[in-house]
Amino acid sequence: MKPARFLEPAEVELDDAVVYLNEQVPGLGERFAQEIQVAVDMISRHPEIGSTMIRRVRKFPLRTFPYNVIYVADADELVIVAVAHHKRRPGYWRPRLA
């Protein structure tokens, strides 16, 4: 199992989504955060589970929310690059790979 680390922009996306969803329906943001944690745990145990996007970058879709966890599995850790909504412009997170 690889330790997971969120890039700061990905952490901000997660926090913003939790706040937004809680404003829509109380408790929904917490359910979203739990689903993110389940996804990150799964990816940590099975780093190659996500679909390859470009080079080493993979995406793992959440089950009940229209979001993908975009990540890179390095030798020592799992780097969460983005918590991306399906409707957001594709590839907006690519500059974070540098």
PDB file of N, CA and C in Angstrom:
ATOM      1  N   MET A   1       0.858  -1.187   0.000  1.00  0.00           N
ATOM      2  CA  MET A   1       0.000   0.000   0.000  1.00  0.00           C
ATOM      3  C   MET A   1       0.891   1.232   0.000  1.00  0.00           C
ATOM      4  N   LYS A   2       0.647   2.114  -0.964  1.00  0.00           N
ATOM      5  CA  LYS A   2       1.442   3.332  -1.074  1.00  0.00           C
ATOM      6  C   LYS A   2       0.767   4.471  -0.313  1.00  0.00           C
ATOM      7  N   PRO A   3       1.551   5.303   0.370  1.00  0.00           N
ATOM      8  CA  PRO A   3       0.946   6.481   1.004  1.00  0.00           C
ATOM      9  C   PRO A   3       0.479   7.469  -0.065  1.00  0.00           C
ATOM     10  N   ALA A   4      -0.623   8.150   0.214  1.00  0.00           N
ATOM     11  CA  ALA A   4      -1.192   9.105  -0.734  1.00  0.00           C
ATOM     12  C   ALA A   4      -0.916  10.537  -0.265  1.00  0.00           C
ATOM     13  N   ARG A   5      -0.617  11.382  -1.248  1.00  0.00           N
ATOM     14  CA  ARG A   5      -0.387  12.803  -0.974  1.00  0.00           C
ATOM     15  C   ARG A   5      -1.174  13.605  -1.994  1.00  0.00           C
ATOM     16  N   PHE A   6      -1.970  14.558  -1.508  1.00  0.00           N
ATOM     17  CA  PHE A   6      -2.732  15.451  -2.380  1.00  0.00           C
ATOM     18  C   PHE A   6      -1.873  16.665  -2.705  1.00  0.00           C
ATOM     19  N   LEU A   7      -1.792  17.019  -3.996  1.00  0.00           N
ATOM     20  CA  LEU A   7      -1.216  18.311  -4.342  1.00  0.00           C
ATOM     21  C   LEU A   7      -2.133  19.380  -3.758  1.00  0.00           C
ATOM     22  N   GLU A   8      -1.580  20.515  -3.423  1.00  0.00           N
ATOM     23  CA  GLU A   8      -2.385  21.568  -2.794  1.00  0.00           C
ATOM     24  C   GLU A   8      -3.620  21.950  -3.613  1.00  0.00           C
ATOM     25  N   PRO A   9      -3.502  22.137  -4.940  1.00  0.00           N
ATOM     26  CA  PRO A   9      -4.710  22.472  -5.704  1.00  0.00           C
ATOM     27  C   PRO A   9      -5.776  21.371  -5.642  1.00  0.00           C
ATOM     28  N   ALA A  10      -5.359  20.116  -5.597  1.00  0.00           N
ATOM     29  CA  ALA A  10      -6.320  19.010  -5.494  1.00  0.00           C
ATOM     30  C   ALA A  10      -7.006  19.032  -4.128  1.00  0.00           C
ATOM     31  N   GLU A  11      -6.257  19.365  -3.103  1.00  0.00           N
ATOM     32  CA  GLU A  11      -6.843  19.470  -1.769  1.00  0.00           C
ATOM     33  C   GLU A  11      -7.862  20.605  -1.704  1.00  0.00           C
ATOM     34  N   VAL A  12      -7.557  21.714  -2.365  1.00  0.00           N
ATOM     35  CA  VAL A  12      -8.488  22.843  -2.430  1.00  0.00           C
ATOM     36  C   VAL A  12      -9.751  22.427  -3.183  1.00  0.00           C
ATOM     37  N   GLU A  13      -9.591  21.695  -4.288  1.00  0.00           N
ATOM     38  CA  GLU A  13     -10.759  21.216  -5.036  1.00  0.00           C
ATOM     39  C   GLU A  13     -11.642  20.334  -4.171  1.00  0.00           C
ATOM     40  N   LEU A  14     -11.020  19.448  -3.413  1.00  0.00           N
ATOM     41  CA  LEU A  14     -11.773  18.561  -2.524  1.00  0.00           C
ATOM     42  C   LEU A  14     -12.528  19.372  -1.482  1.00  0.00           C
ATOM     43  N   ASP A  15     -11.837  20.299  -0.826  1.00  0.00           N
ATOM     44  CA  ASP A  15     -12.479  21.125   0.197  1.00  0.00           C
ATOM     45  C   ASP A  15     -13.617  21.952  -0.380  1.00  0.00           C
ATOM     46  N   ASP A  16     -13.395  22.544  -1.561  1.00  0.00           N
ATOM     47  CA  ASP A  16     -14.434  23.358  -2.194  1.00  0.00           C
ATOM     48  C   ASP A  16     -15.663  22.522  -2.544  1.00  0.00           C
ATOM     49  N   ALA A  17     -15.421  21.314  -3.052  1.00  0.00           N
ATOM     50  CA  ALA A  17     -16.540  20.440  -3.407  1.00  0.00           C
ATOM     51  C   ALA A  17     -17.332  20.029  -2.169  1.00  0.00           C
ATOM     52  N   VAL A  18     -16.634  19.750  -1.070  1.00  0.00           N
ATOM     53  CA  VAL A  18     -17.320  19.374   0.178  1.00  0.00           C
ATOM     54  C   VAL A  18     -18.207  20.522   0.651  1.00  0.00           C
ATOM     55  N   VAL A  19     -17.679  21.738   0.652  1.00  0.00           N
ATOM     56  CA  VAL A  19     -18.458  22.904   1.077  1.00  0.00           C
ATOM     57  C   VAL A  19     -19.665  23.097   0.164  1.00  0.00           C
ATOM     58  N   TYR A  20     -19.431  23.056  -1.152  1.00  0.00           N
ATOM     59  CA  TYR A  20     -20.517  23.257  -2.109  1.00  0.00           C
ATOM     60  C   TYR A  20     -21.621  22.212  -1.916  1.00  0.00           C
ATOM     61  N   LEU A  21     -21.233  20.948  -1.828  1.00  0.00           N
ATOM     62  CA  LEU A  21     -22.227  19.877  -1.698  1.00  0.00           C
ATOM     63  C   LEU A  21     -22.989  19.980  -0.380  1.00  0.00           C
ATOM     64  N   ASN A  22     -22.317  20.371   0.690  1.00  0.00           N
ATOM     65  CA  ASN A  22     -23.004  20.554   1.973  1.00  0.00           C
ATOM     66  C   ASN A  22     -23.997  21.710   1.914  1.00  0.00           C
ATOM     67  N   GLU A  23     -23.695  22.726   1.108  1.00  0.00           N
ATOM     68  CA  GLU A  23     -24.641  23.834   0.947  1.00  0.00           C
ATOM     69  C   GLU A  23     -25.877  23.383   0.172  1.00  0.00           C
ATOM     70  N   GLN A  24     -25.693  22.440  -0.742  1.00  0.00           N
ATOM     71  CA  GLN A  24     -26.821  21.938  -1.537  1.00  0.00           C
ATOM     72  C   GLN A  24     -27.718  21.031  -0.702  1.00  0.00           C
ATOM     73  N   VAL A  25     -27.089  20.090   0.006  1.00  0.00           N
ATOM     74  CA  VAL A  25     -27.818  19.129   0.845  1.00  0.00           C
ATOM     75  C   VAL A  25     -26.952  18.853   2.067  1.00  0.00           C
ATOM     76  N   PRO A  26     -27.443  19.184   3.269  1.00  0.00           N
ATOM     77  CA  PRO A  26     -26.633  18.941   4.463  1.00  0.00           C
ATOM     78  C   PRO A  26     -26.176  17.474   4.535  1.00  0.00           C
ATOM     79  N   GLY A  27     -24.879  17.293   4.765  1.00  0.00           N
ATOM     80  CA  GLY A  27     -24.304  15.963   4.882  1.00  0.00           C
ATOM     81  C   GLY A  27     -23.780  15.382   3.578  1.00  0.00           C
ATOM     82  N   LEU A  28     -24.175  15.964   2.447  1.00  0.00           N
ATOM     83  CA  LEU A  28     -23.742  15.434   1.156  1.00  0.00           C
ATOM     84  C   LEU A  28     -22.231  15.588   0.967  1.00  0.00           C
ATOM     85  N   GLY A  29     -21.693  16.686   1.447  1.00  0.00           N
ATOM     86  CA  GLY A  29     -20.247  16.912   1.349  1.00  0.00           C
ATOM     87  C   GLY A  29     -19.453  15.873   2.119  1.00  0.00           C
ATOM     88  N   GLU A  30     -19.969  15.482   3.285  1.00  0.00           N
ATOM     89  CA  GLU A  30     -19.285  14.452   4.065  1.00  0.00           C
ATOM     90  C   GLU A  30     -19.330  13.109   3.343  1.00  0.00           C
ATOM     91  N   ARG A  31     -20.445  12.811   2.699  1.00  0.00           N
ATOM     92  CA  ARG A  31     -20.543  11.564   1.925  1.00  0.00           C
ATOM     93  C   ARG A  31     -19.551  11.583   0.759  1.00  0.00           C
ATOM     94  N   PHE A  32     -19.417  12.743   0.137  1.00  0.00           N
ATOM     95  CA  PHE A  32     -18.449  12.902  -0.948  1.00  0.00           C
ATOM     96  C   PHE A  32     -17.029  12.669  -0.434  1.00  0.00           C
ATOM     97  N   ALA A  33     -16.693  13.291   0.687  1.00  0.00           N
ATOM     98  CA  ALA A  33     -15.354  13.131   1.268  1.00  0.00           C
ATOM     99  C   ALA A  33     -15.083  11.670   1.624  1.00  0.00           C
ATOM    100  N   GLN A  34     -16.092  10.982   2.128  1.00  0.00           N
ATOM    101  CA  GLN A  34     -15.931   9.558   2.439  1.00  0.00           C
ATOM    102  C   GLN A  34     -15.681   8.747   1.177  1.00  0.00           C
ATOM    103  N   GLU A  35     -16.398   9.064   0.119  1.00  0.00           N
ATOM    104  CA  GLU A  35     -16.207   8.339  -1.134  1.00  0.00           C
ATOM    105  C   GLU A  35     -14.818   8.603  -1.721  1.00  0.00           C
ATOM    106  N   ILE A  36     -14.347   9.835  -1.578  1.00  0.00           N
ATOM    107  CA  ILE A  36     -12.976  10.154  -2.012  1.00  0.00           C
ATOM    108  C   ILE A  36     -11.988   9.302  -1.221  1.00  0.00           C
ATOM    109  N   GLN A  37     -12.187   9.199   0.086  1.00  0.00           N
ATOM    110  CA  GLN A  37     -11.276   8.412   0.914  1.00  0.00           C
ATOM    111  C   GLN A  37     -11.284   6.942   0.522  1.00  0.00           C
ATOM    112  N   VAL A  38     -12.459   6.401   0.246  1.00  0.00           N
ATOM    113  CA  VAL A  38     -12.567   5.009  -0.206  1.00  0.00           C
ATOM    114  C   VAL A  38     -11.798   4.830  -1.524  1.00  0.00           C
ATOM    115  N   ALA A  39     -11.967   5.775  -2.445  1.00  0.00           N
ATOM    116  CA  ALA A  39     -11.274   5.704  -3.737  1.00  0.00           C
ATOM    117  C   ALA A  39      -9.761   5.775  -3.547  1.00  0.00           C
ATOM    118  N   VAL A  40      -9.299   6.698  -2.714  1.00  0.00           N
ATOM    119  CA  VAL A  40      -7.856   6.836  -2.486  1.00  0.00           C
ATOM    120  C   VAL A  40      -7.294   5.579  -1.822  1.00  0.00           C
ATOM    121  N   ASP A  41      -8.029   5.000  -0.891  1.00  0.00           N
ATOM    122  CA  ASP A  41      -7.589   3.747  -0.267  1.00  0.00           C
ATOM    123  C   ASP A  41      -7.478   2.630  -1.304  1.00  0.00           C
ATOM    124  N   MET A  42      -8.464   2.534  -2.185  1.00  0.00           N
ATOM    125  CA  MET A  42      -8.454   1.512  -3.232  1.00  0.00           C
ATOM    126  C   MET A  42      -7.267   1.722  -4.166  1.00  0.00           C
ATOM    127  N   ILE A  43      -7.048   2.964  -4.574  1.00  0.00           N
ATOM    128  CA  ILE A  43      -5.934   3.280  -5.469  1.00  0.00           C
ATOM    129  C   ILE A  43      -4.599   2.992  -4.771  1.00  0.00           C
ATOM    130  N   SER A  44      -4.511   3.283  -3.493  1.00  0.00           N
ATOM    131  CA  SER A  44      -3.270   3.030  -2.744  1.00  0.00           C
ATOM    132  C   SER A  44      -2.934   1.544  -2.729  1.00  0.00           C
ATOM    133  N   ARG A  45      -3.959   0.715  -2.624  1.00  0.00           N
ATOM    134  CA  ARG A  45      -3.743  -0.738  -2.609  1.00  0.00           C
ATOM    135  C   ARG A  45      -3.510  -1.305  -4.013  1.00  0.00           C
ATOM    136  N   HIS A  46      -4.144  -0.690  -5.004  1.00  0.00           N
ATOM    137  CA  HIS A  46      -4.067  -1.175  -6.385  1.00  0.00           C
ATOM    138  C   HIS A  46      -3.802   0.007  -7.323  1.00  0.00           C
ATOM    139  N   PRO A  47      -2.565   0.506  -7.368  1.00  0.00           N
ATOM    140  CA  PRO A  47      -2.268   1.732  -8.122  1.00  0.00           C
ATOM    141  C   PRO A  47      -2.604   1.679  -9.609  1.00  0.00           C
ATOM    142  N   GLU A  48      -2.682   0.504 -10.192  1.00  0.00           N
ATOM    143  CA  GLU A  48      -2.944   0.412 -11.625  1.00  0.00           C
ATOM    144  C   GLU A  48      -4.419   0.214 -11.948  1.00  0.00           C
ATOM    145  N   ILE A  49      -5.287   0.422 -10.958  1.00  0.00           N
ATOM    146  CA  ILE A  49      -6.728   0.210 -11.147  1.00  0.00           C
ATOM    147  C   ILE A  49      -7.360   1.265 -12.057  1.00  0.00           C
ATOM    148  N   GLY A  50      -6.827   2.465 -12.038  1.00  0.00           N
ATOM    149  CA  GLY A  50      -7.414   3.543 -12.837  1.00  0.00           C
ATOM    150  C   GLY A  50      -7.061   3.430 -14.312  1.00  0.00           C
ATOM    151  N   SER A  51      -7.839   4.095 -15.137  1.00  0.00           N
ATOM    152  CA  SER A  51      -7.588   4.127 -16.582  1.00  0.00           C
ATOM    153  C   SER A  51      -6.434   5.068 -16.891  1.00  0.00           C
ATOM    154  N   THR A  52      -5.550   4.644 -17.776  1.00  0.00           N
ATOM    155  CA  THR A  52      -4.428   5.490 -18.174  1.00  0.00           C
ATOM    156  C   THR A  52      -4.945   6.643 -19.030  1.00  0.00           C
ATOM    157  N   MET A  53      -4.462   7.845 -18.716  1.00  0.00           N
ATOM    158  CA  MET A  53      -4.839   9.029 -19.484  1.00  0.00           C
ATOM    159  C   MET A  53      -3.675   9.453 -20.388  1.00  0.00           C
ATOM    160  N   ILE A  54      -2.587   9.861 -19.754  1.00  0.00           N
ATOM    161  CA  ILE A  54      -1.366  10.229 -20.471  1.00  0.00           C
ATOM    162  C   ILE A  54      -0.184   9.749 -19.641  1.00  0.00           C
ATOM    163  N   ARG A  55       0.805   9.210 -20.300  1.00  0.00           N
ATOM    164  CA  ARG A  55       2.003   8.684 -19.624  1.00  0.00           C
ATOM    165  C   ARG A  55       1.629   7.920 -18.364  1.00  0.00           C
ATOM    166  N   ARG A  56       2.050   8.418 -17.205  1.00  0.00           N
ATOM    167  CA  ARG A  56       1.807   7.732 -15.923  1.00  0.00           C
ATOM    168  C   ARG A  56       0.544   8.217 -15.229  1.00  0.00           C
ATOM    169  N   VAL A  57      -0.175   9.121 -15.832  1.00  0.00           N
ATOM    170  CA  VAL A  57      -1.357   9.717 -15.205  1.00  0.00           C
ATOM    171  C   VAL A  57      -2.565   8.812 -15.410  1.00  0.00           C
ATOM    172  N   ARG A  58      -3.289   8.579 -14.324  1.00  0.00           N
ATOM    173  CA  ARG A  58      -4.477   7.721 -14.369  1.00  0.00           C
ATOM    174  C   ARG A  58      -5.664   8.450 -13.757  1.00  0.00           C
ATOM    175  N   LYS A  59      -6.858   7.948 -14.076  1.00  0.00           N
ATOM    176  CA  LYS A  59      -8.071   8.506 -13.468  1.00  0.00           C
ATOM    177  C   LYS A  59      -8.891   7.356 -12.902  1.00  0.00           C
ATOM    178  N   PHE A  60      -9.529   7.647 -11.787  1.00  0.00           N
ATOM    179  CA  PHE A  60     -10.393   6.669 -11.130  1.00  0.00           C
ATOM    180  C   PHE A  60     -11.719   7.362 -10.842  1.00  0.00           C
ATOM    181  N   PRO A  61     -12.807   6.918 -11.476  1.00  0.00           N
ATOM    182  CA  PRO A  61     -14.102   7.579 -11.266  1.00  0.00           C
ATOM    183  C   PRO A  61     -14.732   7.177  -9.934  1.00  0.00           C
ATOM    184  N   LEU A  62     -15.399   8.133  -9.312  1.00  0.00           N
ATOM    185  CA  LEU A  62     -16.163   7.823  -8.106  1.00  0.00           C
ATOM    186  C   LEU A  62     -17.436   7.102  -8.519  1.00  0.00           C
ATOM    187  N   ARG A  63     -18.006   6.371  -7.581  1.00  0.00           N
ATOM    188  CA  ARG A  63     -19.205   5.591  -7.902  1.00  0.00           C
ATOM    189  C   ARG A  63     -20.471   6.438  -7.984  1.00  0.00           C
ATOM    190  N   THR A  64     -20.673   7.329  -7.022  1.00  0.00           N
ATOM    191  CA  THR A  64     -21.957   8.035  -6.951  1.00  0.00           C
ATOM    192  C   THR A  64     -21.877   9.534  -7.214  1.00  0.00           C
ATOM    193  N   PHE A  65     -20.692  10.044  -7.421  1.00  0.00           N
ATOM    194  CA  PHE A  65     -20.529  11.470  -7.704  1.00  0.00           C
ATOM    195  C   PHE A  65     -19.829  11.610  -9.054  1.00  0.00           C
ATOM    196  N   PRO A  66     -20.137  12.659  -9.812  1.00  0.00           N
ATOM    197  CA  PRO A  66     -19.535  12.822 -11.143  1.00  0.00           C
ATOM    198  C   PRO A  66     -18.132  13.435 -11.075  1.00  0.00           C
ATOM    199  N   TYR A  67     -17.243  12.749 -10.404  1.00  0.00           N
ATOM    200  CA  TYR A  67     -15.867  13.200 -10.208  1.00  0.00           C
ATOM    201  C   TYR A  67     -14.901  12.062 -10.504  1.00  0.00           C
ATOM    202  N   ASN A  68     -13.704  12.453 -10.933  1.00  0.00           N
ATOM    203  CA  ASN A  68     -12.583  11.534 -11.084  1.00  0.00           C
ATOM    204  C   ASN A  68     -11.481  11.939 -10.124  1.00  0.00           C
ATOM    205  N   VAL A  69     -10.779  10.946  -9.595  1.00  0.00           N
ATOM    206  CA  VAL A  69      -9.539  11.191  -8.874  1.00  0.00           C
ATOM    207  C   VAL A  69      -8.437  11.005  -9.917  1.00  0.00           C
ATOM    208  N   ILE A  70      -7.715  12.077 -10.199  1.00  0.00           N
ATOM    209  CA  ILE A  70      -6.616  12.047 -11.154  1.00  0.00           C
ATOM    210  C   ILE A  70      -5.336  11.873 -10.342  1.00  0.00           C
ATOM    211  N   TYR A  71      -4.522  10.863 -10.703  1.00  0.00           N
ATOM    212  CA  TYR A  71      -3.364  10.568  -9.863  1.00  0.00           C
ATOM    213  C   TYR A  71      -2.193  10.027 -10.673  1.00  0.00           C
ATOM    214  N   VAL A  72      -1.025  10.072 -10.012  1.00  0.00           N
ATOM    215  CA  VAL A  72       0.197   9.475 -10.537  1.00  0.00           C
ATOM    216  C   VAL A  72       0.726   8.567  -9.439  1.00  0.00           C
ATOM    217  N   ALA A  73       1.021   7.334  -9.802  1.00  0.00           N
ATOM    218  CA  ALA A  73       1.599   6.393  -8.845  1.00  0.00           C
ATOM    219  C   ALA A  73       3.105   6.378  -9.042  1.00  0.00           C
ATOM    220  N   ASP A  74       3.824   7.084  -8.169  1.00  0.00           N
ATOM    221  CA  ASP A  74       5.279   7.068  -8.200  1.00  0.00           C
ATOM    222  C   ASP A  74       5.775   5.819  -7.481  1.00  0.00           C
ATOM    223  N   ALA A  75       7.068   5.617  -7.490  1.00  0.00           N
ATOM    224  CA  ALA A  75       7.642   4.439  -6.847  1.00  0.00           C
ATOM    225  C   ALA A  75       7.343   4.414  -5.352  1.00  0.00           C
ATOM    226  N   ASP A  76       7.359   5.583  -4.707  1.00  0.00           N
ATOM    227  CA  ASP A  76       7.216   5.652  -3.254  1.00  0.00           C
ATOM    228  C   ASP A  76       5.848   6.090  -2.768  1.00  0.00           C
ATOM    229  N   GLU A  77       5.098   6.785  -3.598  1.00  0.00           N
ATOM    230  CA  GLU A  77       3.831   7.341  -3.139  1.00  0.00           C
ATOM    231  C   GLU A  77       2.833   7.494  -4.273  1.00  0.00           C
ATOM    232  N   LEU A  78       1.619   7.774  -3.869  1.00  0.00           N
ATOM    233  CA  LEU A  78       0.529   8.067  -4.784  1.00  0.00           C
ATOM    234  C   LEU A  78       0.290   9.571  -4.703  1.00  0.00           C
ATOM    235  N   VAL A  79       0.368  10.255  -5.818  1.00  0.00           N
ATOM    236  CA  VAL A  79       0.188  11.707  -5.842  1.00  0.00           C
ATOM    237  C   VAL A  79      -1.165  12.008  -6.477  1.00  0.00           C
ATOM    238  N   ILE A  80      -2.067  12.602  -5.688  1.00  0.00           N
ATOM    239  CA  ILE A  80      -3.379  13.000  -6.196  1.00  0.00           C
ATOM    240  C   ILE A  80      -3.210  14.369  -6.846  1.00  0.00           C
ATOM    241  N   VAL A  81      -3.396  14.407  -8.146  1.00  0.00           N
ATOM    242  CA  VAL A  81      -3.180  15.626  -8.932  1.00  0.00           C
ATOM    243  C   VAL A  81      -4.432  16.491  -8.957  1.00  0.00           C
ATOM    244  N   ALA A  82      -5.611  15.851  -9.014  1.00  0.00           N
ATOM    245  CA  ALA A  82      -6.859  16.611  -9.107  1.00  0.00           C
ATOM    246  C   ALA A  82      -8.036  15.778  -8.622  1.00  0.00           C
ATOM    247  N   VAL A  83      -9.031  16.483  -8.134  1.00  0.00           N
ATOM    248  CA  VAL A  83     -10.350  15.920  -7.854  1.00  0.00           C
ATOM    249  C   VAL A  83     -11.249  16.648  -8.841  1.00  0.00           C
ATOM    250  N   ALA A  84     -11.425  16.026 -10.012  1.00  0.00           N
ATOM    251  CA  ALA A  84     -11.982  16.718 -11.169  1.00  0.00           C
ATOM    252  C   ALA A  84     -13.426  16.324 -11.445  1.00  0.00           C
ATOM    253  N   HIS A  85     -14.285  17.327 -11.536  1.00  0.00           N
ATOM    254  CA  HIS A  85     -15.676  17.114 -11.925  1.00  0.00           C
ATOM    255  C   HIS A  85     -15.721  16.714 -13.394  1.00  0.00           C
ATOM    256  N   HIS A  86     -16.612  15.814 -13.743  1.00  0.00           N
ATOM    257  CA  HIS A  86     -16.709  15.337 -15.121  1.00  0.00           C
ATOM    258  C   HIS A  86     -17.019  16.456 -16.118  1.00  0.00           C
ATOM    259  N   LYS A  87     -17.712  17.495 -15.682  1.00  0.00           N
ATOM    260  CA  LYS A  87     -18.116  18.568 -16.599  1.00  0.00           C
ATOM    261  C   LYS A  87     -17.077  19.689 -16.703  1.00  0.00           C
ATOM    262  N   ARG A  88     -16.048  19.640 -15.879  1.00  0.00           N
ATOM    263  CA  ARG A  88     -15.012  20.669 -15.925  1.00  0.00           C
ATOM    264  C   ARG A  88     -14.191  20.480 -17.195  1.00  0.00           C
ATOM    265  N   ARG A  89     -13.598  21.554 -17.658  1.00  0.00           N
ATOM    266  CA  ARG A  89     -12.836  21.477 -18.900  1.00  0.00           C
ATOM    267  C   ARG A  89     -11.737  20.407 -18.784  1.00  0.00           C
ATOM    268  N   PRO A  90     -11.629  19.550 -19.780  1.00  0.00           N
ATOM    269  CA  PRO A  90     -10.658  18.458 -19.717  1.00  0.00           C
ATOM    270  C   PRO A  90      -9.220  18.969 -19.711  1.00  0.00           C
ATOM    271  N   GLY A  91      -8.383  18.329 -18.951  1.00  0.00           N
ATOM    272  CA  GLY A  91      -6.962  18.638 -18.950  1.00  0.00           C
ATOM    273  C   GLY A  91      -6.554  19.888 -18.213  1.00  0.00           C
ATOM    274  N   TYR A  92      -7.468  20.561 -17.529  1.00  0.00           N
ATOM    275  CA  TYR A  92      -7.127  21.798 -16.823  1.00  0.00           C
ATOM    276  C   TYR A  92      -6.013  21.571 -15.792  1.00  0.00           C
ATOM    277  N   TRP A  93      -5.870  20.351 -15.320  1.00  0.00           N
ATOM    278  CA  TRP A  93      -4.924  19.999 -14.266  1.00  0.00           C
ATOM    279  C   TRP A  93      -3.532  19.660 -14.811  1.00  0.00           C
ATOM    280  N   ARG A  94      -3.355  19.567 -16.109  1.00  0.00           N
ATOM    281  CA  ARG A  94      -2.071  19.147 -16.696  1.00  0.00           C
ATOM    282  C   ARG A  94      -0.881  20.000 -16.268  1.00  0.00           C
ATOM    283  N   PRO A  95      -1.003  21.317 -16.129  1.00  0.00           N
ATOM    284  CA  PRO A  95       0.146  22.096 -15.665  1.00  0.00           C
ATOM    285  C   PRO A  95       0.654  21.677 -14.283  1.00  0.00           C
ATOM    286  N   ARG A  96      -0.176  21.011 -13.506  1.00  0.00           N
ATOM    287  CA  ARG A  96       0.239  20.558 -12.170  1.00  0.00           C
ATOM    288  C   ARG A  96       1.261  19.436 -12.229  1.00  0.00           C
ATOM    289  N   LEU A  97       1.403  18.801 -13.365  1.00  0.00           N
ATOM    290  CA  LEU A  97       2.327  17.667 -13.494  1.00  0.00           C
ATOM    291  C   LEU A  97       3.787  18.105 -13.538  1.00  0.00           C
ATOM    292  N   ALA A  98       4.033  19.370 -13.810  1.00  0.00           N
ATOM    293  CA  ALA A  98       5.414  19.850 -13.959  1.00  0.00           C
ATOM    294  C   ALA A  98       6.206  19.830 -12.696  1.00  0.00           C
TER     295      ALA A  98
END
